[in-house]
């Protein structure tokens, strides 16, 4: 699986399943490992890691918006 596919898959899972996305990806990885499909298992682990990174970046953007709003009283906060 190419890197672009990993990130696209992670983004789709995150949008569809929100807070459950990492759990779904890791469950899929476990199932594939149980079936002996190590390559696909590894791809799902990479997807899970990408989901975590996307969530971290998203949280960082929200934090920056909150900090900017706090330093500019009277300015409306939009998330």
PDB file of N, CA and C in Angstrom:
ATOM      1  N   UNK A   1       0.853  -1.172   0.000  1.00  0.00           N
ATOM      2  CA  UNK A   1       0.000   0.000   0.000  1.00  0.00           C
ATOM      3  C   UNK A   1       0.900   1.238   0.000  1.00  0.00           C
ATOM      4  N   UNK A   2       0.633   2.153  -0.916  1.00  0.00           N
ATOM      5  CA  UNK A   2       1.460   3.350  -0.978  1.00  0.00           C
ATOM      6  C   UNK A   2       1.033   4.346   0.103  1.00  0.00           C
ATOM      7  N   UNK A   3       1.925   5.241   0.416  1.00  0.00           N
ATOM      8  CA  UNK A   3       1.703   6.194   1.512  1.00  0.00           C
ATOM      9  C   UNK A   3       0.419   7.003   1.324  1.00  0.00           C
ATOM     10  N   UNK A   4       0.145   7.431   0.112  1.00  0.00           N
ATOM     11  CA  UNK A   4      -1.068   8.205  -0.155  1.00  0.00           C
ATOM     12  C   UNK A   4      -2.314   7.397   0.201  1.00  0.00           C
ATOM     13  N   UNK A   5      -2.311   6.115  -0.127  1.00  0.00           N
ATOM     14  CA  UNK A   5      -3.452   5.250   0.201  1.00  0.00           C
ATOM     15  C   UNK A   5      -3.634   5.120   1.712  1.00  0.00           C
ATOM     16  N   UNK A   6      -2.529   5.057   2.433  1.00  0.00           N
ATOM     17  CA  UNK A   6      -2.594   4.971   3.899  1.00  0.00           C
ATOM     18  C   UNK A   6      -3.308   6.202   4.454  1.00  0.00           C
ATOM     19  N   UNK A   7      -2.871   7.382   4.033  1.00  0.00           N
ATOM     20  CA  UNK A   7      -3.441   8.630   4.551  1.00  0.00           C
ATOM     21  C   UNK A   7      -4.884   8.821   4.109  1.00  0.00           C
ATOM     22  N   UNK A   8      -5.203   8.442   2.882  1.00  0.00           N
ATOM     23  CA  UNK A   8      -6.596   8.547   2.412  1.00  0.00           C
ATOM     24  C   UNK A   8      -7.499   7.612   3.210  1.00  0.00           C
ATOM     25  N   UNK A   9      -7.041   6.392   3.432  1.00  0.00           N
ATOM     26  CA  UNK A   9      -7.818   5.435   4.217  1.00  0.00           C
ATOM     27  C   UNK A   9      -8.021   5.936   5.645  1.00  0.00           C
ATOM     28  N   UNK A  10      -6.964   6.472   6.223  1.00  0.00           N
ATOM     29  CA  UNK A  10      -7.048   7.010   7.585  1.00  0.00           C
ATOM     30  C   UNK A  10      -8.060   8.148   7.649  1.00  0.00           C
ATOM     31  N   UNK A  11      -8.025   9.020   6.675  1.00  0.00           N
ATOM     32  CA  UNK A  11      -8.943  10.163   6.646  1.00  0.00           C
ATOM     33  C   UNK A  11     -10.389   9.697   6.511  1.00  0.00           C
ATOM     34  N   UNK A  12     -10.630   8.719   5.658  1.00  0.00           N
ATOM     35  CA  UNK A  12     -11.986   8.189   5.470  1.00  0.00           C
ATOM     36  C   UNK A  12     -12.490   7.566   6.767  1.00  0.00           C
ATOM     37  N   UNK A  13     -11.666   6.740   7.401  1.00  0.00           N
ATOM     38  CA  UNK A  13     -12.066   6.102   8.657  1.00  0.00           C
ATOM     39  C   UNK A  13     -12.345   7.140   9.739  1.00  0.00           C
ATOM     40  N   UNK A  14     -11.501   8.139   9.813  1.00  0.00           N
ATOM     41  CA  UNK A  14     -11.668   9.177  10.833  1.00  0.00           C
ATOM     42  C   UNK A  14     -12.964   9.957  10.626  1.00  0.00           C
ATOM     43  N   UNK A  15     -13.265  10.284   9.386  1.00  0.00           N
ATOM     44  CA  UNK A  15     -14.503  11.011   9.098  1.00  0.00           C
ATOM     45  C   UNK A  15     -15.731  10.151   9.372  1.00  0.00           C
ATOM     46  N   UNK A  16     -15.639   8.875   9.034  1.00  0.00           N
ATOM     47  CA  UNK A  16     -16.799   7.997   9.182  1.00  0.00           C
ATOM     48  C   UNK A  16     -17.021   7.543  10.622  1.00  0.00           C
ATOM     49  N   UNK A  17     -15.935   7.169  11.305  1.00  0.00           N
ATOM     50  CA  UNK A  17     -16.068   6.541  12.618  1.00  0.00           C
ATOM     51  C   UNK A  17     -15.599   7.409  13.789  1.00  0.00           C
ATOM     52  N   UNK A  18     -15.072   8.577  13.483  1.00  0.00           N
ATOM     53  CA  UNK A  18     -14.629   9.545  14.500  1.00  0.00           C
ATOM     54  C   UNK A  18     -13.759   8.906  15.585  1.00  0.00           C
ATOM     55  N   UNK A  19     -14.186   8.927  16.825  1.00  0.00           N
ATOM     56  CA  UNK A  19     -13.347   8.446  17.925  1.00  0.00           C
ATOM     57  C   UNK A  19     -13.121   6.929  17.891  1.00  0.00           C
ATOM     58  N   UNK A  20     -13.894   6.210  17.113  1.00  0.00           N
ATOM     59  CA  UNK A  20     -13.751   4.750  17.021  1.00  0.00           C
ATOM     60  C   UNK A  20     -12.793   4.321  15.901  1.00  0.00           C
ATOM     61  N   UNK A  21     -12.278   5.263  15.132  1.00  0.00           N
ATOM     62  CA  UNK A  21     -11.490   4.936  13.942  1.00  0.00           C
ATOM     63  C   UNK A  21     -10.243   4.111  14.253  1.00  0.00           C
ATOM     64  N   UNK A  22      -9.502   4.488  15.287  1.00  0.00           N
ATOM     65  CA  UNK A  22      -8.280   3.744  15.628  1.00  0.00           C
ATOM     66  C   UNK A  22      -8.644   2.329  16.061  1.00  0.00           C
ATOM     67  N   UNK A  23      -9.683   2.198  16.852  1.00  0.00           N
ATOM     68  CA  UNK A  23     -10.116   0.885  17.311  1.00  0.00           C
ATOM     69  C   UNK A  23     -10.504  -0.011  16.134  1.00  0.00           C
ATOM     70  N   UNK A  24     -11.217   0.532  15.187  1.00  0.00           N
ATOM     71  CA  UNK A  24     -11.623  -0.237  14.009  1.00  0.00           C
ATOM     72  C   UNK A  24     -10.408  -0.678  13.211  1.00  0.00           C
ATOM     73  N   UNK A  25      -9.467   0.226  13.005  1.00  0.00           N
ATOM     74  CA  UNK A  25      -8.258  -0.112  12.242  1.00  0.00           C
ATOM     75  C   UNK A  25      -7.430  -1.186  12.949  1.00  0.00           C
ATOM     76  N   UNK A  26      -7.292  -1.082  14.256  1.00  0.00           N
ATOM     77  CA  UNK A  26      -6.487  -2.071  14.983  1.00  0.00           C
ATOM     78  C   UNK A  26      -7.192  -3.419  15.059  1.00  0.00           C
ATOM     79  N   UNK A  27      -8.516  -3.416  15.154  1.00  0.00           N
ATOM     80  CA  UNK A  27      -9.258  -4.685  15.126  1.00  0.00           C
ATOM     81  C   UNK A  27      -9.075  -5.375  13.781  1.00  0.00           C
ATOM     82  N   UNK A  28      -9.098  -4.582  12.711  1.00  0.00           N
ATOM     83  CA  UNK A  28      -8.882  -5.146  11.370  1.00  0.00           C
ATOM     84  C   UNK A  28      -7.468  -5.721  11.261  1.00  0.00           C
ATOM     85  N   UNK A  29      -6.501  -5.009  11.807  1.00  0.00           N
ATOM     86  CA  UNK A  29      -5.117  -5.493  11.793  1.00  0.00           C
ATOM     87  C   UNK A  29      -5.013  -6.812  12.554  1.00  0.00           C
ATOM     88  N   UNK A  30      -5.660  -6.898  13.712  1.00  0.00           N
ATOM     89  CA  UNK A  30      -5.647  -8.138  14.506  1.00  0.00           C
ATOM     90  C   UNK A  30      -6.265  -9.297  13.743  1.00  0.00           C
ATOM     91  N   UNK A  31      -7.394  -9.037  13.093  1.00  0.00           N
ATOM     92  CA  UNK A  31      -8.067 -10.088  12.331  1.00  0.00           C
ATOM     93  C   UNK A  31      -7.177 -10.603  11.200  1.00  0.00           C
ATOM     94  N   UNK A  32      -6.511  -9.680  10.531  1.00  0.00           N
ATOM     95  CA  UNK A  32      -5.626 -10.077   9.431  1.00  0.00           C
ATOM     96  C   UNK A  32      -4.415 -10.847   9.936  1.00  0.00           C
ATOM     97  N   UNK A  33      -3.901 -10.464  11.093  1.00  0.00           N
ATOM     98  CA  UNK A  33      -2.781 -11.191  11.685  1.00  0.00           C
ATOM     99  C   UNK A  33      -3.210 -12.609  12.052  1.00  0.00           C
ATOM    100  N   UNK A  34      -4.419 -12.742  12.609  1.00  0.00           N
ATOM    101  CA  UNK A  34      -4.954 -14.066  12.940  1.00  0.00           C
ATOM    102  C   UNK A  34      -5.076 -14.950  11.703  1.00  0.00           C
ATOM    103  N   UNK A  35      -5.327 -14.324  10.559  1.00  0.00           N
ATOM    104  CA  UNK A  35      -5.450 -15.053   9.291  1.00  0.00           C
ATOM    105  C   UNK A  35      -4.089 -15.317   8.646  1.00  0.00           C
ATOM    106  N   UNK A  36      -3.039 -14.773   9.253  1.00  0.00           N
ATOM    107  CA  UNK A  36      -1.699 -14.964   8.715  1.00  0.00           C
ATOM    108  C   UNK A  36      -1.307 -13.986   7.626  1.00  0.00           C
ATOM    109  N   UNK A  37      -2.092 -12.969   7.424  1.00  0.00           N
ATOM    110  CA  UNK A  37      -1.806 -11.970   6.387  1.00  0.00           C
ATOM    111  C   UNK A  37      -1.026 -10.815   7.005  1.00  0.00           C
ATOM    112  N   UNK A  38       0.265 -10.999   7.141  1.00  0.00           N
ATOM    113  CA  UNK A  38       1.117 -10.008   7.802  1.00  0.00           C
ATOM    114  C   UNK A  38       1.237  -8.703   7.018  1.00  0.00           C
ATOM    115  N   UNK A  39       1.285  -8.790   5.695  1.00  0.00           N
ATOM    116  CA  UNK A  39       1.415  -7.564   4.895  1.00  0.00           C
ATOM    117  C   UNK A  39       0.203  -6.651   5.065  1.00  0.00           C
ATOM    118  N   UNK A  40      -0.993  -7.235   4.986  1.00  0.00           N
ATOM    119  CA  UNK A  40      -2.205  -6.430   5.165  1.00  0.00           C
ATOM    120  C   UNK A  40      -2.332  -5.947   6.605  1.00  0.00           C
ATOM    121  N   UNK A  41      -1.923  -6.779   7.544  1.00  0.00           N
ATOM    122  CA  UNK A  41      -1.924  -6.375   8.948  1.00  0.00           C
ATOM    123  C   UNK A  41      -1.059  -5.143   9.129  1.00  0.00           C
ATOM    124  N   UNK A  42       0.123  -5.164   8.563  1.00  0.00           N
ATOM    125  CA  UNK A  42       1.032  -4.024   8.676  1.00  0.00           C
ATOM    126  C   UNK A  42       0.426  -2.769   8.058  1.00  0.00           C
ATOM    127  N   UNK A  43      -0.286  -2.918   6.928  1.00  0.00           N
ATOM    128  CA  UNK A  43      -0.929  -1.766   6.294  1.00  0.00           C
ATOM    129  C   UNK A  43      -1.968  -1.150   7.233  1.00  0.00           C
ATOM    130  N   UNK A  44      -2.744  -1.987   7.932  1.00  0.00           N
ATOM    131  CA  UNK A  44      -3.762  -1.481   8.853  1.00  0.00           C
ATOM    132  C   UNK A  44      -3.138  -0.847  10.091  1.00  0.00           C
ATOM    133  N   UNK A  45      -1.996  -1.353  10.501  1.00  0.00           N
ATOM    134  CA  UNK A  45      -1.281  -0.705  11.610  1.00  0.00           C
ATOM    135  C   UNK A  45      -0.826   0.690  11.181  1.00  0.00           C
ATOM    136  N   UNK A  46      -0.336   0.801   9.961  1.00  0.00           N
ATOM    137  CA  UNK A  46       0.073   2.100   9.434  1.00  0.00           C
ATOM    138  C   UNK A  46      -1.115   3.050   9.329  1.00  0.00           C
ATOM    139  N   UNK A  47      -2.285   2.523   8.952  1.00  0.00           N
ATOM    140  CA  UNK A  47      -3.492   3.343   8.886  1.00  0.00           C
ATOM    141  C   UNK A  47      -3.858   3.843  10.278  1.00  0.00           C
ATOM    142  N   UNK A  48      -3.787   2.956  11.272  1.00  0.00           N
ATOM    143  CA  UNK A  48      -4.092   3.352  12.654  1.00  0.00           C
ATOM    144  C   UNK A  48      -3.148   4.456  13.118  1.00  0.00           C
ATOM    145  N   UNK A  49      -1.869   4.320  12.807  1.00  0.00           N
ATOM    146  CA  UNK A  49      -0.895   5.355  13.182  1.00  0.00           C
ATOM    147  C   UNK A  49      -1.197   6.676  12.475  1.00  0.00           C
ATOM    148  N   UNK A  50      -1.625   6.603  11.218  1.00  0.00           N
ATOM    149  CA  UNK A  50      -1.966   7.817  10.473  1.00  0.00           C
ATOM    150  C   UNK A  50      -3.198   8.489  11.083  1.00  0.00           C
ATOM    151  N   UNK A  51      -4.167   7.695  11.524  1.00  0.00           N
ATOM    152  CA  UNK A  51      -5.349   8.255  12.183  1.00  0.00           C
ATOM    153  C   UNK A  51      -4.933   9.018  13.444  1.00  0.00           C
ATOM    154  N   UNK A  52      -4.052   8.413  14.225  1.00  0.00           N
ATOM    155  CA  UNK A  52      -3.562   9.065  15.442  1.00  0.00           C
ATOM    156  C   UNK A  52      -2.884  10.388  15.099  1.00  0.00           C
ATOM    157  N   UNK A  53      -2.087  10.385  14.049  1.00  0.00           N
ATOM    158  CA  UNK A  53      -1.393  11.618  13.644  1.00  0.00           C
ATOM    159  C   UNK A  53      -2.387  12.677  13.158  1.00  0.00           C
ATOM    160  N   UNK A  54      -3.377  12.267  12.397  1.00  0.00           N
ATOM    161  CA  UNK A  54      -4.394  13.223  11.934  1.00  0.00           C
ATOM    162  C   UNK A  54      -5.148  13.827  13.111  1.00  0.00           C
ATOM    163  N   UNK A  55      -5.473  13.007  14.098  1.00  0.00           N
ATOM    164  CA  UNK A  55      -6.171  13.509  15.290  1.00  0.00           C
ATOM    165  C   UNK A  55      -5.284  14.468  16.068  1.00  0.00           C
ATOM    166  N   UNK A  56      -3.992  14.160  16.146  1.00  0.00           N
ATOM    167  CA  UNK A  56      -3.052  15.022  16.861  1.00  0.00           C
ATOM    168  C   UNK A  56      -2.945  16.375  16.159  1.00  0.00           C
ATOM    169  N   UNK A  57      -2.844  16.352  14.829  1.00  0.00           N
ATOM    170  CA  UNK A  57      -2.748  17.605  14.076  1.00  0.00           C
ATOM    171  C   UNK A  57      -4.028  18.410  14.197  1.00  0.00           C
ATOM    172  N   UNK A  58      -5.156  17.732  14.171  1.00  0.00           N
ATOM    173  CA  UNK A  58      -6.444  18.413  14.306  1.00  0.00           C
ATOM    174  C   UNK A  58      -6.575  19.054  15.684  1.00  0.00           C
ATOM    175  N   UNK A  59      -6.158  18.339  16.706  1.00  0.00           N
ATOM    176  CA  UNK A  59      -6.198  18.877  18.069  1.00  0.00           C
ATOM    177  C   UNK A  59      -5.269  20.086  18.191  1.00  0.00           C
ATOM    178  N   UNK A  60      -4.120  20.025  17.547  1.00  0.00           N
ATOM    179  CA  UNK A  60      -3.175  21.140  17.576  1.00  0.00           C
ATOM    180  C   UNK A  60      -3.753  22.386  16.935  1.00  0.00           C
ATOM    181  N   UNK A  61      -4.486  22.216  15.842  1.00  0.00           N
ATOM    182  CA  UNK A  61      -5.117  23.359  15.182  1.00  0.00           C
ATOM    183  C   UNK A  61      -6.175  23.972  16.071  1.00  0.00           C
ATOM    184  N   UNK A  62      -6.957  23.125  16.732  1.00  0.00           N
ATOM    185  CA  UNK A  62      -7.990  23.635  17.643  1.00  0.00           C
ATOM    186  C   UNK A  62      -7.356  24.381  18.806  1.00  0.00           C
ATOM    187  N   UNK A  63      -6.271  23.829  19.352  1.00  0.00           N
ATOM    188  CA  UNK A  63      -5.570  24.483  20.453  1.00  0.00           C
ATOM    189  C   UNK A  63      -5.049  25.852  20.032  1.00  0.00           C
ATOM    190  N   UNK A  64      -4.503  25.938  18.822  1.00  0.00           N
ATOM    191  CA  UNK A  64      -3.970  27.212  18.335  1.00  0.00           C
ATOM    192  C   UNK A  64      -5.088  28.235  18.181  1.00  0.00           C
ATOM    193  N   UNK A  65      -6.250  27.802  17.710  1.00  0.00           N
ATOM    194  CA  UNK A  65      -7.378  28.724  17.564  1.00  0.00           C
ATOM    195  C   UNK A  65      -7.839  29.237  18.925  1.00  0.00           C
ATOM    196  N   UNK A  66      -7.876  28.354  19.892  1.00  0.00           N
ATOM    197  CA  UNK A  66      -8.286  28.742  21.242  1.00  0.00           C
ATOM    198  C   UNK A  66      -7.291  29.732  21.825  1.00  0.00           C
ATOM    199  N   UNK A  67      -5.992  29.469  21.656  1.00  0.00           N
ATOM    200  CA  UNK A  67      -4.971  30.368  22.182  1.00  0.00           C
ATOM    201  C   UNK A  67      -5.053  31.727  21.496  1.00  0.00           C
ATOM    202  N   UNK A  68      -5.273  31.740  20.189  1.00  0.00           N
ATOM    203  CA  UNK A  68      -5.395  33.008  19.467  1.00  0.00           C
ATOM    204  C   UNK A  68      -6.609  33.792  19.938  1.00  0.00           C
ATOM    205  N   UNK A  69      -7.718  33.108  20.163  1.00  0.00           N
ATOM    206  CA  UNK A  69      -8.926  33.776  20.630  1.00  0.00           C
ATOM    207  C   UNK A  69      -8.733  34.339  22.037  1.00  0.00           C
ATOM    208  N   UNK A  70      -8.005  33.593  22.866  1.00  0.00           N
ATOM    209  CA  UNK A  70      -7.778  34.039  24.242  1.00  0.00           C
ATOM    210  C   UNK A  70      -6.899  35.284  24.265  1.00  0.00           C
ATOM    211  N   UNK A  71      -5.991  35.401  23.302  1.00  0.00           N
ATOM    212  CA  UNK A  71      -5.106  36.551  23.276  1.00  0.00           C
ATOM    213  C   UNK A  71      -5.732  37.753  22.579  1.00  0.00           C
ATOM    214  N   UNK A  72      -6.913  37.537  21.950  1.00  0.00           N
ATOM    215  CA  UNK A  72      -7.619  38.624  21.270  1.00  0.00           C
ATOM    216  C   UNK A  72      -9.042  38.717  21.798  1.00  0.00           C
ATOM    217  N   UNK A  73      -9.235  39.326  22.972  1.00  0.00           N
ATOM    218  CA  UNK A  73     -10.582  39.419  23.555  1.00  0.00           C
ATOM    219  C   UNK A  73     -11.549  40.097  22.598  1.00  0.00           C
ATOM    220  N   UNK A  74     -12.791  39.621  22.625  1.00  0.00           N
ATOM    221  CA  UNK A  74     -13.812  40.207  21.785  1.00  0.00           C
ATOM    222  C   UNK A  74     -13.884  39.580  20.394  1.00  0.00           C
ATOM    223  N   UNK A  75     -12.930  38.743  20.082  1.00  0.00           N
ATOM    224  CA  UNK A  75     -12.915  38.087  18.782  1.00  0.00           C
ATOM    225  C   UNK A  75     -13.661  36.761  18.906  1.00  0.00           C
ATOM    226  N   UNK A  76     -14.521  36.461  17.929  1.00  0.00           N
ATOM    227  CA  UNK A  76     -15.333  35.249  17.957  1.00  0.00           C
ATOM    228  C   UNK A  76     -14.466  34.038  17.633  1.00  0.00           C
ATOM    229  N   UNK A  77     -14.706  32.958  18.339  1.00  0.00           N
ATOM    230  CA  UNK A  77     -13.976  31.703  18.142  1.00  0.00           C
ATOM    231  C   UNK A  77     -14.771  30.799  17.232  1.00  0.00           C
ATOM    232  N   UNK A  78     -14.153  30.352  16.134  1.00  0.00           N
ATOM    233  CA  UNK A  78     -14.824  29.376  15.269  1.00  0.00           C
ATOM    234  C   UNK A  78     -13.926  28.172  15.123  1.00  0.00           C
ATOM    235  N   UNK A  79     -14.492  27.014  15.433  1.00  0.00           N
ATOM    236  CA  UNK A  79     -13.728  25.768  15.343  1.00  0.00           C
ATOM    237  C   UNK A  79     -14.139  25.036  14.149  1.00  0.00           C
TER     238      UNK A  79
END
